[in-house]
N, C-alpha and C. Protein backbone atom coordinates (compact mmCIF):
# COMPACT_ATOMS: atom_id res chain seq x y z
N MET A 1 112.96 110.26 77.97
CA MET A 1 112.09 111.37 77.67
C MET A 1 110.74 111.14 78.35
N THR A 2 110.19 112.16 78.95
CA THR A 2 108.91 112.06 79.64
C THR A 2 107.76 112.30 78.68
N ALA A 3 106.75 111.46 78.79
CA ALA A 3 105.56 111.61 77.93
C ALA A 3 104.79 112.84 78.37
N PRO A 4 104.12 113.52 77.41
CA PRO A 4 103.32 114.69 77.79
C PRO A 4 102.19 114.29 78.73
N ALA A 5 101.83 115.21 79.60
CA ALA A 5 100.76 114.96 80.56
C ALA A 5 99.43 114.82 79.82
N THR A 6 98.66 113.84 80.26
CA THR A 6 97.33 113.64 79.69
C THR A 6 96.35 114.52 80.43
N PRO A 7 95.15 114.73 79.90
CA PRO A 7 94.14 115.50 80.63
C PRO A 7 93.85 114.90 82.01
N LEU A 8 93.88 113.56 82.12
CA LEU A 8 93.66 112.93 83.42
C LEU A 8 94.78 113.27 84.38
N ASP A 9 96.04 113.23 83.91
CA ASP A 9 97.17 113.60 84.75
C ASP A 9 97.03 115.03 85.26
N GLU A 10 96.63 115.92 84.38
CA GLU A 10 96.46 117.32 84.76
C GLU A 10 95.33 117.48 85.78
N ALA A 11 94.23 116.76 85.59
CA ALA A 11 93.10 116.83 86.52
C ALA A 11 93.49 116.31 87.89
N VAL A 12 94.24 115.21 87.93
CA VAL A 12 94.69 114.65 89.20
C VAL A 12 95.63 115.63 89.90
N SER A 13 96.51 116.24 89.15
CA SER A 13 97.44 117.21 89.71
C SER A 13 96.71 118.41 90.29
N GLN A 14 95.73 118.90 89.56
CA GLN A 14 94.94 120.05 90.05
C GLN A 14 94.15 119.69 91.29
N LEU A 15 93.56 118.49 91.32
CA LEU A 15 92.80 118.06 92.48
C LEU A 15 93.71 117.90 93.69
N SER A 16 94.88 117.33 93.50
CA SER A 16 95.84 117.17 94.59
C SER A 16 96.25 118.53 95.15
N ALA A 17 96.51 119.46 94.26
CA ALA A 17 96.90 120.81 94.71
C ALA A 17 95.76 121.47 95.48
N ALA A 18 94.53 121.30 95.02
CA ALA A 18 93.38 121.89 95.69
C ALA A 18 93.18 121.28 97.08
N LEU A 19 93.34 119.96 97.18
CA LEU A 19 93.18 119.30 98.47
C LEU A 19 94.28 119.71 99.44
N LEU A 20 95.48 119.84 98.94
CA LEU A 20 96.59 120.28 99.78
C LEU A 20 96.34 121.70 100.28
N GLU A 21 95.89 122.56 99.40
CA GLU A 21 95.61 123.94 99.80
C GLU A 21 94.49 123.98 100.84
N GLN A 22 93.47 123.14 100.67
CA GLN A 22 92.38 123.07 101.63
C GLN A 22 92.89 122.61 103.00
N ALA A 23 93.74 121.60 103.02
CA ALA A 23 94.29 121.11 104.28
C ALA A 23 95.14 122.18 104.95
N ARG A 24 95.94 122.88 104.15
CA ARG A 24 96.77 123.95 104.72
C ARG A 24 95.92 125.09 105.27
N ALA A 25 94.86 125.45 104.55
CA ALA A 25 93.97 126.53 105.01
C ALA A 25 93.28 126.13 106.30
N GLN A 26 92.81 124.90 106.37
CA GLN A 26 92.14 124.45 107.58
C GLN A 26 93.11 124.40 108.75
N ALA A 27 94.32 123.95 108.50
CA ALA A 27 95.32 123.90 109.56
C ALA A 27 95.66 125.31 110.04
N ALA A 28 95.72 126.26 109.13
CA ALA A 28 96.02 127.65 109.51
C ALA A 28 94.87 128.27 110.28
N ALA A 29 93.64 127.88 109.94
CA ALA A 29 92.46 128.43 110.61
C ALA A 29 92.25 127.83 111.99
N ASN A 30 92.82 126.67 112.23
CA ASN A 30 92.64 125.98 113.51
C ASN A 30 94.00 125.73 114.14
N PRO A 31 94.52 126.73 114.87
CA PRO A 31 95.84 126.55 115.49
C PRO A 31 95.85 125.28 116.34
N VAL A 32 96.98 124.64 116.40
CA VAL A 32 97.09 123.37 117.10
C VAL A 32 97.88 123.52 118.38
N GLY A 33 97.61 122.64 119.31
CA GLY A 33 98.38 122.59 120.54
C GLY A 33 99.52 121.61 120.40
N ASP A 34 100.39 121.59 121.40
CA ASP A 34 101.55 120.69 121.33
C ASP A 34 101.15 119.22 121.23
N ASP A 35 100.00 118.85 121.81
CA ASP A 35 99.58 117.45 121.76
C ASP A 35 99.09 117.04 120.38
N ASP A 36 98.87 117.99 119.50
CA ASP A 36 98.40 117.70 118.15
C ASP A 36 99.57 117.59 117.16
N VAL A 37 100.76 117.96 117.58
CA VAL A 37 101.90 118.01 116.67
C VAL A 37 102.74 116.74 116.78
N LEU A 38 103.00 116.14 115.63
CA LEU A 38 103.90 114.99 115.54
C LEU A 38 105.25 115.50 115.08
N VAL A 39 106.31 115.12 115.76
CA VAL A 39 107.65 115.56 115.41
C VAL A 39 108.45 114.35 114.95
N GLY A 40 109.01 114.45 113.76
CA GLY A 40 109.85 113.38 113.21
C GLY A 40 109.09 112.54 112.21
N LEU A 41 109.78 112.19 111.12
CA LEU A 41 109.15 111.42 110.05
C LEU A 41 108.70 110.04 110.52
N ASN A 42 109.42 109.43 111.45
CA ASN A 42 109.02 108.11 111.92
C ASN A 42 107.69 108.17 112.67
N ARG A 43 107.49 109.19 113.49
CA ARG A 43 106.20 109.33 114.21
C ARG A 43 105.07 109.64 113.23
N ILE A 44 105.35 110.49 112.26
CA ILE A 44 104.35 110.81 111.25
C ILE A 44 104.00 109.54 110.47
N ALA A 45 105.01 108.76 110.11
CA ALA A 45 104.78 107.52 109.36
C ALA A 45 103.94 106.53 110.17
N ARG A 46 104.25 106.38 111.45
CA ARG A 46 103.45 105.48 112.29
C ARG A 46 102.01 105.95 112.38
N HIS A 47 101.81 107.26 112.54
CA HIS A 47 100.46 107.82 112.63
C HIS A 47 99.66 107.54 111.35
N LEU A 48 100.32 107.61 110.21
CA LEU A 48 99.65 107.40 108.93
C LEU A 48 99.64 105.94 108.48
N SER A 49 100.32 105.08 109.23
CA SER A 49 100.49 103.67 108.84
C SER A 49 101.12 103.55 107.46
N MET A 50 102.18 104.33 107.27
CA MET A 50 102.93 104.33 106.02
C MET A 50 104.40 104.10 106.35
N SER A 51 105.16 103.76 105.34
CA SER A 51 106.59 103.61 105.56
C SER A 51 107.23 104.99 105.69
N ALA A 52 108.34 105.04 106.40
CA ALA A 52 109.08 106.30 106.55
C ALA A 52 109.57 106.80 105.19
N THR A 53 109.91 105.88 104.30
CA THR A 53 110.36 106.26 102.96
C THR A 53 109.26 106.99 102.20
N THR A 54 108.05 106.44 102.25
CA THR A 54 106.92 107.08 101.56
C THR A 54 106.63 108.45 102.16
N VAL A 55 106.62 108.53 103.48
CA VAL A 55 106.35 109.81 104.15
C VAL A 55 107.44 110.82 103.79
N THR A 56 108.68 110.38 103.72
CA THR A 56 109.77 111.28 103.34
C THR A 56 109.54 111.84 101.94
N GLN A 57 109.19 110.96 101.01
CA GLN A 57 108.95 111.40 99.63
C GLN A 57 107.77 112.38 99.57
N LEU A 58 106.69 112.08 100.27
CA LEU A 58 105.51 112.96 100.26
C LEU A 58 105.83 114.31 100.91
N ALA A 59 106.57 114.29 102.01
CA ALA A 59 106.92 115.53 102.70
C ALA A 59 107.84 116.39 101.85
N GLU A 60 108.86 115.77 101.27
CA GLU A 60 109.82 116.53 100.47
C GLU A 60 109.19 117.08 99.19
N SER A 61 108.19 116.39 98.67
CA SER A 61 107.53 116.87 97.45
C SER A 61 106.50 117.97 97.74
N GLY A 62 106.17 118.15 99.03
CA GLY A 62 105.18 119.16 99.39
C GLY A 62 103.76 118.64 99.37
N GLU A 63 103.59 117.36 99.06
CA GLU A 63 102.25 116.79 99.00
C GLU A 63 101.66 116.57 100.39
N LEU A 64 102.50 116.25 101.35
CA LEU A 64 102.06 115.99 102.71
C LEU A 64 102.00 117.31 103.48
N PRO A 65 100.93 117.54 104.25
CA PRO A 65 100.86 118.79 105.02
C PRO A 65 101.80 118.73 106.23
N ALA A 66 103.07 118.89 105.96
CA ALA A 66 104.11 118.86 107.00
C ALA A 66 105.10 119.97 106.71
N ARG A 67 105.86 120.31 107.72
CA ARG A 67 106.81 121.41 107.59
C ARG A 67 108.13 121.01 108.25
N LYS A 68 109.21 121.35 107.60
CA LYS A 68 110.52 121.06 108.17
C LYS A 68 110.95 122.24 109.02
N VAL A 69 111.24 121.96 110.28
CA VAL A 69 111.71 122.99 111.20
C VAL A 69 113.09 122.55 111.65
N GLY A 70 114.09 123.28 111.19
CA GLY A 70 115.47 122.86 111.43
C GLY A 70 115.74 121.60 110.63
N THR A 71 116.06 120.54 111.34
CA THR A 71 116.34 119.27 110.66
C THR A 71 115.21 118.26 110.81
N ARG A 72 114.13 118.64 111.52
CA ARG A 72 113.05 117.69 111.81
C ARG A 72 111.75 118.12 111.14
N TRP A 73 111.01 117.12 110.69
CA TRP A 73 109.70 117.37 110.10
C TRP A 73 108.66 117.39 111.19
N ARG A 74 107.67 118.28 111.06
CA ARG A 74 106.55 118.38 112.00
C ARG A 74 105.25 118.37 111.21
N ALA A 75 104.24 117.76 111.80
CA ALA A 75 102.93 117.73 111.15
C ALA A 75 101.85 117.71 112.21
N SER A 76 100.76 118.37 111.91
CA SER A 76 99.60 118.38 112.77
C SER A 76 98.76 117.13 112.50
N LYS A 77 98.35 116.46 113.56
CA LYS A 77 97.47 115.30 113.40
C LYS A 77 96.19 115.72 112.69
N ARG A 78 95.68 116.89 113.03
CA ARG A 78 94.44 117.39 112.42
C ARG A 78 94.62 117.60 110.92
N ALA A 79 95.73 118.23 110.52
CA ALA A 79 95.98 118.47 109.09
C ALA A 79 96.18 117.15 108.34
N LEU A 80 96.84 116.20 108.99
CA LEU A 80 97.04 114.89 108.36
C LEU A 80 95.70 114.18 108.17
N SER A 81 94.80 114.31 109.15
CA SER A 81 93.47 113.70 109.02
C SER A 81 92.70 114.30 107.84
N VAL A 82 92.76 115.61 107.72
CA VAL A 82 92.09 116.29 106.60
C VAL A 82 92.69 115.81 105.28
N TRP A 83 94.00 115.72 105.24
CA TRP A 83 94.70 115.25 104.04
C TRP A 83 94.29 113.83 103.68
N LEU A 84 94.20 112.97 104.69
CA LEU A 84 93.80 111.58 104.44
C LEU A 84 92.36 111.49 103.93
N GLU A 85 91.47 112.28 104.53
CA GLU A 85 90.06 112.27 104.11
C GLU A 85 89.93 112.72 102.66
N GLY A 86 90.74 113.66 102.25
CA GLY A 86 90.70 114.14 100.88
C GLY A 86 91.31 113.17 99.91
N ASP A 87 92.11 112.24 100.41
CA ASP A 87 92.80 111.27 99.57
C ASP A 87 91.91 110.10 99.17
N ARG A 88 90.75 110.00 99.78
CA ARG A 88 89.86 108.85 99.50
C ARG A 88 89.10 109.00 98.23
């Protein structure tokens, strides 16, 4: 059985959602060129210095500003930078 969310859990969740929305809005406002796009979870993981497993979990949960196109994940370096800055 899962414990009820605490006020801190709810605040963290709301902040995460707000930061994700901000990163998505900024990415939409600043179209990217092909040189800004990382294709594949392994490239995204290397760019973020994270494991591919962690990046997969973040991407599939919607927390990472990435999009699945066909069978491959794509992410903008710019959007990832904004996401990382908000994570500090």
